[in-house]
Amino acid sequence: MRECIESVQAQTFTDWELVVTDDGSHDGTADILRELAASDRRIRFHGFAVNQGACIAVNDAIARARGEFIAVLNSDDRWRADKLALQVAFLERHPECGAVFAKPRLIDERGAPFTDAGHKDYLIFEEANRSRQAWLDHFFHAGNCLCHPSVLIRRSCYDHVGCYDPRLAQLPDLDMWVRLCAHYEIHILDAQLVDFRILDGERNASAARPEVLAREPWERLQVLRHYLSEGLDGHVSPLPHPAQPPDEPSPRLRLAWTALAIGTPAHRALALEILHRALAPGEPVAAGAPELSAYLRLTGETDLFWQRHVAICHQLQRDVETLQDVVARQRAELASVNQALDLSQSRHASAEAALRDIQSSRSWTMTAPLRWLVRRVSGLRRKGRE
């Protein structure tokens, strides 16, 4: 956190204020922030008594900020010294742009270069500039690729489109970029101006933890709904879907078929929502809408809530239980066979011991000549019969 604040204090652009909101930390962070604020009048500190969530904390800082431009910086990231100077100069030269971003340099928890090329964020920020319409298309098809702590945004943009939605824990930045690009151009500077830290143990807010994976499709659906409420359906490049009727669809129905072709759970939910509304009883059917029977087939094939997977899992569980019963019976049968084998081996051992006792007895030794004579006579009788 000290690194973060020191990177702001080291900026070559000096006309800044640092508005800090501590989100109810209990690890001594608030005390350090008060100390730093006392030593630098440009730092304005406010702390929550209890944790309220990242969006509420950022919105609090935005509400208290007094500048024309606002930059967002998380406590575990840091800026390059010329970050603000380059971005302020860009926005002053380009009044048509609402925000300017930069490329991040990924670092690990210790501040060393992050080198895991297989990590999901390793190349995600390597995107070229494009028009706001093309950005809207990209956000719909692929999601976010902009580094939030690299942004410098005009205060007027927040005033126009609103601040961050506290109902979103995973995608409030994507939600903001869609709302922003509905009205403003954006730009990415081709320079690494922020050190973006990848924490150990999947501790970043966007890391692939179970609760993140569960929450993300729902939040993505809420972001995609902006393409309906903001009238952005015409900014999405179409993709064909096998069930799409041949007649030319309206922009909204084209969005539905494209979402169905993209195929993520959130896109499929949006698509069925649009098609459902297009087939409202008593309303004229728009061009590009499916027949009712085709729509019902789609709802049966589009397993939004993983019920087929649940059914498969239940069947697998039943199969496992059946196999466990079979194994248990076979183990019982094997135990019974082993018990009988043990009894047979015990009887055989007893018989061998008895035989050894007989063969080692005095009477057995004394009758040996007689037994030899009996065998001899028996042999002669066999020969005589032959």
Protein backbone atom coordinates (compact mmCIF):
# COMPACT_ATOMS: atom_id res chain seq x y z
CA MET A 1 0.00 0.00 0.00
CA ARG A 2 2.92 2.36 0.73
CA GLU A 3 4.31 1.48 -2.72
CA CYS A 4 0.98 2.44 -4.24
CA ILE A 5 0.85 5.86 -2.56
CA GLU A 6 4.53 6.55 -3.18
CA SER A 7 3.95 5.91 -6.91
CA VAL A 8 1.36 8.70 -6.87
CA GLN A 9 3.65 11.05 -4.95
CA ALA A 10 6.39 10.38 -7.53
CA GLN A 11 4.28 11.60 -10.49
CA THR A 12 5.87 14.18 -12.75
CA PHE A 13 2.42 15.74 -13.08
CA THR A 14 2.07 17.45 -9.70
CA ASP A 15 -1.39 19.04 -9.74
CA TRP A 16 -3.18 16.10 -8.14
CA GLU A 17 -5.07 15.13 -5.01
CA LEU A 18 -5.18 11.56 -3.67
CA VAL A 19 -8.65 10.71 -2.37
CA VAL A 20 -8.45 7.51 -0.35
CA THR A 21 -11.35 5.43 0.96
CA ASP A 22 -10.44 2.57 3.29
CA ASP A 23 -13.09 -0.15 3.04
CA GLY A 24 -13.25 -1.15 6.71
CA SER A 25 -9.80 -2.74 6.98
CA HIS A 26 -8.65 -4.10 10.35
CA ASP A 27 -4.98 -4.79 9.64
CA GLY A 28 -3.50 -1.41 10.51
CA THR A 29 -3.95 0.00 7.00
CA ALA A 30 -6.17 2.85 8.20
CA ASP A 31 -3.53 3.97 10.72
CA ILE A 32 -0.86 4.05 8.00
CA LEU A 33 -3.17 6.03 5.72
CA ARG A 34 -3.90 8.58 8.46
CA GLU A 35 -0.17 8.95 9.04
CA LEU A 36 0.49 9.50 5.32
CA ALA A 37 -2.41 11.96 5.04
CA ALA A 38 -1.05 13.94 8.00
CA SER A 39 2.32 14.26 6.28
CA ASP A 40 0.99 15.19 2.80
CA ARG A 41 -1.93 17.63 2.54
CA ARG A 42 -2.70 16.35 -0.99
CA ILE A 43 -3.88 13.05 0.53
CA ARG A 44 -7.49 13.09 1.72
CA PHE A 45 -8.44 10.04 3.77
CA HIS A 46 -11.81 8.60 4.73
CA GLY A 47 -12.42 5.17 6.26
CA PHE A 48 -15.51 3.01 6.58
CA ALA A 49 -16.14 1.39 9.97
CA VAL A 50 -17.12 -1.88 8.26
CA ASN A 51 -16.43 -3.33 4.83
CA GLN A 52 -19.02 -2.19 2.30
CA GLY A 53 -17.58 -3.49 -0.96
CA ALA A 54 -15.17 -2.23 -3.59
CA CYS A 55 -17.74 -0.33 -5.68
CA ILE A 56 -19.12 1.61 -2.73
CA ALA A 57 -15.58 2.52 -1.67
CA VAL A 58 -14.63 3.71 -5.17
CA ASN A 59 -17.89 5.63 -5.52
CA ASP A 60 -17.23 7.32 -2.18
CA ALA A 61 -13.81 8.47 -3.40
CA ILE A 62 -15.27 9.70 -6.70
CA ALA A 63 -17.94 11.68 -4.84
CA ARG A 64 -15.26 13.41 -2.72
CA ALA A 65 -12.89 14.08 -5.64
CA ARG A 66 -12.62 17.67 -6.87
CA GLY A 67 -10.59 17.29 -10.06
CA GLU A 68 -11.59 17.44 -13.71
CA PHE A 69 -10.00 14.02 -14.33
CA ILE A 70 -10.22 10.93 -12.11
CA ALA A 71 -7.81 7.99 -12.04
CA VAL A 72 -8.54 4.75 -10.19
CA LEU A 73 -5.75 2.98 -8.34
CA ASN A 74 -6.03 -0.14 -6.18
CA SER A 75 -3.89 -0.44 -3.07
CA ASP A 76 -1.78 -3.30 -4.44
CA ASP A 77 -0.92 -1.66 -7.80
CA ARG A 78 1.42 1.21 -8.66
CA TRP A 79 1.94 3.80 -11.41
CA ARG A 80 4.90 4.72 -13.56
CA ALA A 81 6.13 8.26 -12.81
CA ASP A 82 4.82 9.80 -16.08
CA LYS A 83 1.43 8.07 -16.02
CA LEU A 84 -0.69 11.10 -15.15
CA ALA A 85 1.34 13.52 -17.28
CA LEU A 86 0.91 11.43 -20.44
CA GLN A 87 -2.79 10.75 -19.88
CA VAL A 88 -3.78 14.28 -18.90
CA ALA A 89 -1.98 15.61 -21.97
CA PHE A 90 -3.83 13.11 -24.17
CA LEU A 91 -7.29 14.01 -22.84
CA GLU A 92 -6.56 17.72 -23.20
CA ARG A 93 -5.61 17.14 -26.86
CA HIS A 94 -8.62 14.86 -27.53
CA PRO A 95 -11.84 16.34 -26.13
CA GLU A 96 -13.84 13.67 -27.98
CA CYS A 97 -12.40 10.97 -25.67
CA GLY A 98 -14.10 10.30 -22.37
CA ALA A 99 -11.30 8.16 -20.97
CA VAL A 100 -7.77 7.06 -21.71
CA PHE A 101 -6.22 3.77 -20.65
CA ALA A 102 -2.70 2.33 -20.75
CA LYS A 103 -1.06 -1.07 -21.04
CA PRO A 104 -0.22 -2.71 -17.71
CA ARG A 105 3.00 -4.43 -16.72
CA LEU A 106 2.06 -7.58 -14.81
CA ILE A 107 3.97 -8.12 -11.56
CA ASP A 108 3.73 -10.83 -8.91
CA GLU A 109 3.06 -10.37 -5.22
CA ARG A 110 6.73 -9.57 -4.56
CA GLY A 111 6.89 -6.95 -7.32
CA ALA A 112 8.87 -9.09 -9.79
CA PRO A 113 7.74 -9.47 -13.42
CA PHE A 114 4.86 -11.96 -13.72
CA THR A 115 5.93 -14.69 -16.15
CA ASP A 116 3.14 -17.29 -16.09
CA ALA A 117 2.16 -17.25 -19.77
CA GLY A 118 -0.72 -19.63 -19.05
CA HIS A 119 -2.48 -17.21 -16.68
CA LYS A 120 -5.82 -15.90 -17.95
CA ASP A 121 -4.70 -12.26 -17.62
CA TYR A 122 -1.27 -12.67 -19.22
CA LEU A 123 -2.27 -11.35 -22.66
CA ILE A 124 -5.83 -10.16 -22.10
CA PHE A 125 -4.89 -6.46 -22.10
CA GLU A 126 -3.03 -6.61 -25.43
CA GLU A 127 -5.75 -4.98 -27.53
CA ALA A 128 -5.60 -2.43 -30.33
CA ASN A 129 -7.52 0.84 -30.35
CA ARG A 130 -10.88 1.03 -32.13
CA SER A 131 -13.98 3.18 -32.35
CA ARG A 132 -16.51 3.21 -29.51
CA GLN A 133 -18.89 1.20 -31.73
CA ALA A 134 -16.19 -1.42 -32.26
CA TRP A 135 -15.48 -1.47 -28.52
CA LEU A 136 -19.16 -2.12 -27.86
CA ASP A 137 -19.02 -4.99 -30.32
CA HIS A 138 -15.92 -6.40 -28.60
CA PHE A 139 -17.43 -6.10 -25.12
CA PHE A 140 -20.53 -7.99 -26.29
CA HIS A 141 -18.63 -10.80 -27.99
CA ALA A 142 -15.55 -11.17 -25.77
CA GLY A 143 -15.96 -9.20 -22.54
CA ASN A 144 -13.46 -6.94 -20.82
CA CYS A 145 -9.89 -6.32 -21.95
CA LEU A 146 -9.21 -2.91 -20.37
CA CYS A 147 -7.04 -2.52 -17.27
CA HIS A 148 -9.12 -0.66 -14.70
CA PRO A 149 -6.24 0.82 -12.62
CA SER A 150 -4.77 2.27 -15.83
CA VAL A 151 -7.76 4.52 -16.58
CA LEU A 152 -7.94 8.31 -16.47
CA ILE A 153 -11.53 9.38 -17.01
CA ARG A 154 -13.26 12.75 -17.17
CA ARG A 155 -15.31 13.57 -14.09
CA SER A 156 -18.10 14.65 -16.44
CA CYS A 157 -18.35 11.07 -17.73
CA TYR A 158 -19.14 9.74 -14.27
CA ASP A 159 -21.66 12.56 -13.86
CA HIS A 160 -23.30 11.53 -17.15
CA VAL A 161 -23.33 7.70 -17.05
CA GLY A 162 -23.19 7.17 -13.28
CA CYS A 163 -20.67 5.51 -10.99
CA TYR A 164 -19.95 1.83 -10.40
CA ASP A 165 -22.85 -0.54 -9.72
CA PRO A 166 -22.37 -1.98 -6.19
CA ARG A 167 -24.54 -4.97 -7.09
CA LEU A 168 -21.67 -6.23 -9.27
CA ALA A 169 -18.66 -7.85 -7.62
CA GLN A 170 -16.88 -9.30 -10.68
CA LEU A 171 -17.76 -7.07 -13.64
CA PRO A 172 -18.37 -3.50 -12.45
CA ASP A 173 -15.57 -2.28 -14.72
CA LEU A 174 -17.00 -3.98 -17.83
CA ASP A 175 -20.40 -2.59 -16.90
CA MET A 176 -18.84 0.90 -16.71
CA TRP A 177 -17.03 0.58 -20.07
CA VAL A 178 -20.24 -0.43 -21.86
CA ARG A 179 -22.11 2.54 -20.39
CA LEU A 180 -19.16 4.82 -21.16
CA CYS A 181 -18.77 3.70 -24.80
CA ALA A 182 -22.49 4.18 -25.35
CA HIS A 183 -21.64 7.90 -25.39
CA TYR A 184 -17.88 8.48 -25.51
CA GLU A 185 -14.77 7.42 -27.39
CA ILE A 186 -11.94 5.83 -25.40
CA HIS A 187 -8.26 5.29 -26.16
CA ILE A 188 -5.41 3.02 -24.98
CA LEU A 189 -1.93 4.54 -24.84
CA ASP A 190 0.68 2.14 -26.19
CA ALA A 191 2.81 2.33 -23.05
CA GLN A 192 3.03 0.32 -19.82
CA LEU A 193 2.08 2.97 -17.26
CA VAL A 194 0.77 0.81 -14.41
CA ASP A 195 2.13 -2.20 -12.54
CA PHE A 196 -0.82 -4.59 -12.18
CA ARG A 197 -0.21 -7.10 -9.38
CA ILE A 198 -1.24 -10.76 -9.67
CA LEU A 199 -1.59 -12.04 -6.11
CA ASP A 200 -0.64 -15.52 -4.99
CA GLY A 201 -3.30 -18.10 -4.22
CA GLU A 202 -6.02 -16.75 -6.56
CA ARG A 203 -6.60 -13.72 -4.32
CA ASN A 204 -7.32 -11.14 -7.02
CA ALA A 205 -10.96 -10.10 -7.18
CA SER A 206 -11.25 -11.63 -10.67
CA ALA A 207 -9.38 -14.86 -9.87
CA ALA A 208 -11.06 -18.15 -10.83
CA ARG A 209 -12.39 -19.09 -7.39
CA PRO A 210 -15.64 -21.12 -7.17
CA GLU A 211 -17.77 -18.18 -6.03
CA VAL A 212 -16.37 -16.00 -8.83
CA LEU A 213 -17.15 -18.64 -11.46
CA ALA A 214 -20.68 -19.00 -10.07
CA ARG A 215 -21.33 -15.24 -9.96
CA GLU A 216 -19.81 -14.20 -13.29
CA PRO A 217 -22.54 -15.46 -15.71
CA TRP A 218 -25.26 -13.68 -13.73
CA GLU A 219 -23.33 -10.39 -13.71
CA ARG A 220 -22.47 -10.75 -17.40
CA LEU A 221 -26.18 -11.08 -18.19
CA GLN A 222 -26.83 -7.79 -16.37
CA VAL A 223 -24.09 -6.11 -18.44
CA LEU A 224 -25.44 -7.55 -21.69
CA ARG A 225 -28.89 -6.13 -20.90
CA HIS A 226 -27.42 -2.66 -21.46
CA TYR A 227 -27.48 -3.51 -25.17
CA LEU A 228 -31.26 -3.51 -24.86
CA SER A 229 -31.86 -0.64 -22.46
CA GLU A 230 -29.24 1.64 -24.03
CA GLY A 231 -30.33 0.87 -27.61
CA LEU A 232 -26.94 -0.59 -28.50
CA ASP A 233 -28.23 -3.64 -30.37
CA GLY A 234 -27.17 -2.17 -33.71
CA HIS A 235 -23.50 -1.98 -32.66
CA VAL A 236 -22.96 -5.76 -32.48
CA SER A 237 -21.59 -7.68 -35.47
CA PRO A 238 -23.94 -10.56 -36.29
CA LEU A 239 -23.22 -14.27 -36.07
CA PRO A 240 -25.53 -16.82 -37.73
CA HIS A 241 -27.36 -19.49 -35.76
CA PRO A 242 -28.77 -22.72 -37.30
CA ALA A 243 -32.27 -22.03 -35.94
CA GLN A 244 -32.41 -18.49 -37.32
CA PRO A 245 -35.22 -17.90 -39.87
CA PRO A 246 -34.11 -16.85 -43.38
CA ASP A 247 -35.86 -13.44 -43.37
CA GLU A 248 -33.84 -10.37 -42.34
CA PRO A 249 -34.25 -9.82 -38.57
CA SER A 250 -34.61 -6.55 -36.72
CA PRO A 251 -31.46 -5.33 -34.88
CA ARG A 252 -32.82 -6.69 -31.61
CA LEU A 253 -33.61 -10.13 -32.98
CA ARG A 254 -30.27 -10.15 -34.80
CA LEU A 255 -28.71 -9.53 -31.38
CA ALA A 256 -30.64 -12.51 -30.00
CA TRP A 257 -29.43 -14.90 -32.71
CA THR A 258 -25.87 -13.61 -32.33
CA ALA A 259 -26.01 -14.10 -28.56
CA LEU A 260 -27.32 -17.63 -29.06
CA ALA A 261 -24.44 -18.34 -31.47
CA ILE A 262 -21.86 -17.00 -28.99
CA GLY A 263 -23.28 -19.50 -26.57
CA THR A 264 -22.10 -18.54 -23.09
CA PRO A 265 -24.74 -19.03 -20.36
CA ALA A 266 -25.25 -15.25 -20.11
CA HIS A 267 -25.58 -14.80 -23.88
CA ARG A 268 -28.02 -17.69 -24.17
CA ALA A 269 -30.14 -16.25 -21.36
CA LEU A 270 -30.23 -12.86 -23.09
CA ALA A 271 -31.16 -14.49 -26.40
CA LEU A 272 -34.08 -16.44 -24.97
CA GLU A 273 -35.25 -13.34 -23.12
CA ILE A 274 -35.39 -11.37 -26.40
CA LEU A 275 -37.11 -14.20 -28.29
CA HIS A 276 -39.58 -14.66 -25.44
CA ARG A 277 -40.62 -11.01 -25.66
CA ALA A 278 -40.79 -11.14 -29.46
CA LEU A 279 -43.43 -13.88 -29.25
CA ALA A 280 -45.68 -12.14 -26.72
CA PRO A 281 -49.32 -13.27 -27.18
CA GLY A 282 -51.47 -10.85 -29.11
CA GLU A 283 -48.48 -8.94 -30.51
CA PRO A 284 -47.46 -8.99 -34.21
CA VAL A 285 -44.51 -11.30 -34.82
CA ALA A 286 -41.42 -9.35 -35.92
CA ALA A 287 -39.27 -10.37 -38.87
CA GLY A 288 -36.56 -12.76 -37.79
CA ALA A 289 -38.55 -14.22 -34.90
CA PRO A 290 -38.82 -18.01 -34.75
CA GLU A 291 -42.03 -20.00 -34.98
CA LEU A 292 -43.44 -20.78 -31.55
CA SER A 293 -42.59 -24.47 -31.98
CA ALA A 294 -38.99 -23.59 -32.90
CA TYR A 295 -38.73 -21.30 -29.87
CA LEU A 296 -39.98 -24.07 -27.58
CA ARG A 297 -37.40 -26.45 -29.07
CA LEU A 298 -34.72 -23.87 -28.30
CA THR A 299 -35.85 -23.56 -24.68
CA GLY A 300 -35.64 -27.34 -24.40
CA GLU A 301 -32.19 -27.48 -25.97
CA THR A 302 -30.73 -24.47 -24.14
CA ASP A 303 -29.95 -25.76 -20.67
CA LEU A 304 -29.56 -22.43 -18.87
CA PHE A 305 -29.75 -23.87 -15.38
CA TRP A 306 -27.67 -27.02 -16.02
CA GLN A 307 -30.62 -29.30 -15.38
CA ARG A 308 -29.35 -31.87 -17.88
CA HIS A 309 -26.02 -31.87 -16.15
CA VAL A 310 -27.80 -32.23 -12.80
CA ALA A 311 -29.79 -35.18 -14.19
CA ILE A 312 -26.61 -36.77 -15.55
CA CYS A 313 -24.91 -36.29 -12.18
CA HIS A 314 -27.88 -37.85 -10.38
CA GLN A 315 -27.81 -40.82 -12.77
CA LEU A 316 -24.08 -41.20 -12.27
CA GLN A 317 -24.63 -41.09 -8.52
CA ARG A 318 -27.25 -43.84 -8.81
CA ASP A 319 -24.88 -45.88 -10.99
CA VAL A 320 -22.11 -45.47 -8.44
CA GLU A 321 -24.44 -46.56 -5.63
CA THR A 322 -25.45 -49.64 -7.68
CA LEU A 323 -21.81 -50.52 -8.30
CA GLN A 324 -21.06 -50.01 -4.62
CA ASP A 325 -23.84 -52.50 -3.77
CA VAL A 326 -22.43 -55.00 -6.29
CA VAL A 327 -18.94 -54.59 -4.87
CA ALA A 328 -20.27 -55.00 -1.32
CA ARG A 329 -22.05 -58.27 -2.28
CA GLN A 330 -18.97 -59.58 -4.07
CA ARG A 331 -16.84 -58.74 -1.07
CA ALA A 332 -19.28 -60.65 1.18
CA GLU A 333 -19.17 -63.64 -1.19
CA LEU A 334 -15.39 -63.48 -1.31
CA ALA A 335 -15.26 -63.36 2.49
CA SER A 336 -17.46 -66.47 2.64
CA VAL A 337 -15.24 -68.29 0.13
CA ASN A 338 -12.14 -67.28 2.07
CA GLN A 339 -13.74 -68.54 5.27
CA ALA A 340 -14.52 -71.93 3.66
CA LEU A 341 -11.00 -72.07 2.23
CA ASP A 342 -9.53 -71.33 5.65
CA LEU A 343 -11.66 -74.15 7.16
CA SER A 344 -10.58 -76.58 4.42
CA GLN A 345 -6.93 -75.66 4.88
CA SER A 346 -7.29 -76.14 8.63
CA ARG A 347 -8.81 -79.62 8.15
CA HIS A 348 -6.11 -80.54 5.64
CA ALA A 349 -3.42 -79.43 8.08
CA SER A 350 -5.04 -81.51 10.84
CA ALA A 351 -5.12 -84.59 8.56
CA GLU A 352 -1.46 -84.14 7.62
CA ALA A 353 -0.54 -83.81 11.30
CA ALA A 354 -2.47 -86.99 12.14
CA LEU A 355 -0.76 -88.86 9.28
CA ARG A 356 2.64 -87.71 10.49
CA ASP A 357 1.77 -88.93 14.00
CA ILE A 358 0.79 -92.36 12.64
CA GLN A 359 3.90 -92.64 10.47
CA SER A 360 6.17 -91.77 13.36
CA SER A 361 4.51 -94.23 15.81
CA ARG A 362 6.18 -97.50 17.02
CA SER A 363 3.35 -99.68 15.75
CA TRP A 364 3.73 -98.22 12.26
CA THR A 365 7.43 -99.10 12.31
CA MET A 366 6.87 -102.68 13.64
CA THR A 367 4.24 -103.47 11.00
CA ALA A 368 6.37 -102.25 8.09
CA PRO A 369 7.38 -105.88 7.02
CA LEU A 370 3.77 -106.95 7.12
CA ARG A 371 2.71 -104.01 4.95
CA TRP A 372 5.50 -104.90 2.51
CA LEU A 373 4.25 -108.51 2.37
CA VAL A 374 0.65 -107.39 1.77
CA ARG A 375 1.77 -105.20 -1.11
CA ARG A 376 3.84 -108.06 -2.56
CA VAL A 377 0.96 -110.55 -2.40
CA SER A 378 -1.41 -108.00 -3.93
CA GLY A 379 1.05 -107.51 -6.79
CA LEU A 380 1.35 -111.23 -7.48
CA ARG A 381 -2.44 -111.63 -7.53
CA ARG A 382 -2.76 -108.87 -10.13
CA LYS A 383 -0.19 -110.59 -12.32
CA GLY A 384 -2.00 -113.89 -11.99
CA ARG A 385 -5.26 -112.40 -13.16
CA GLU A 386 -3.52 -110.87 -16.14
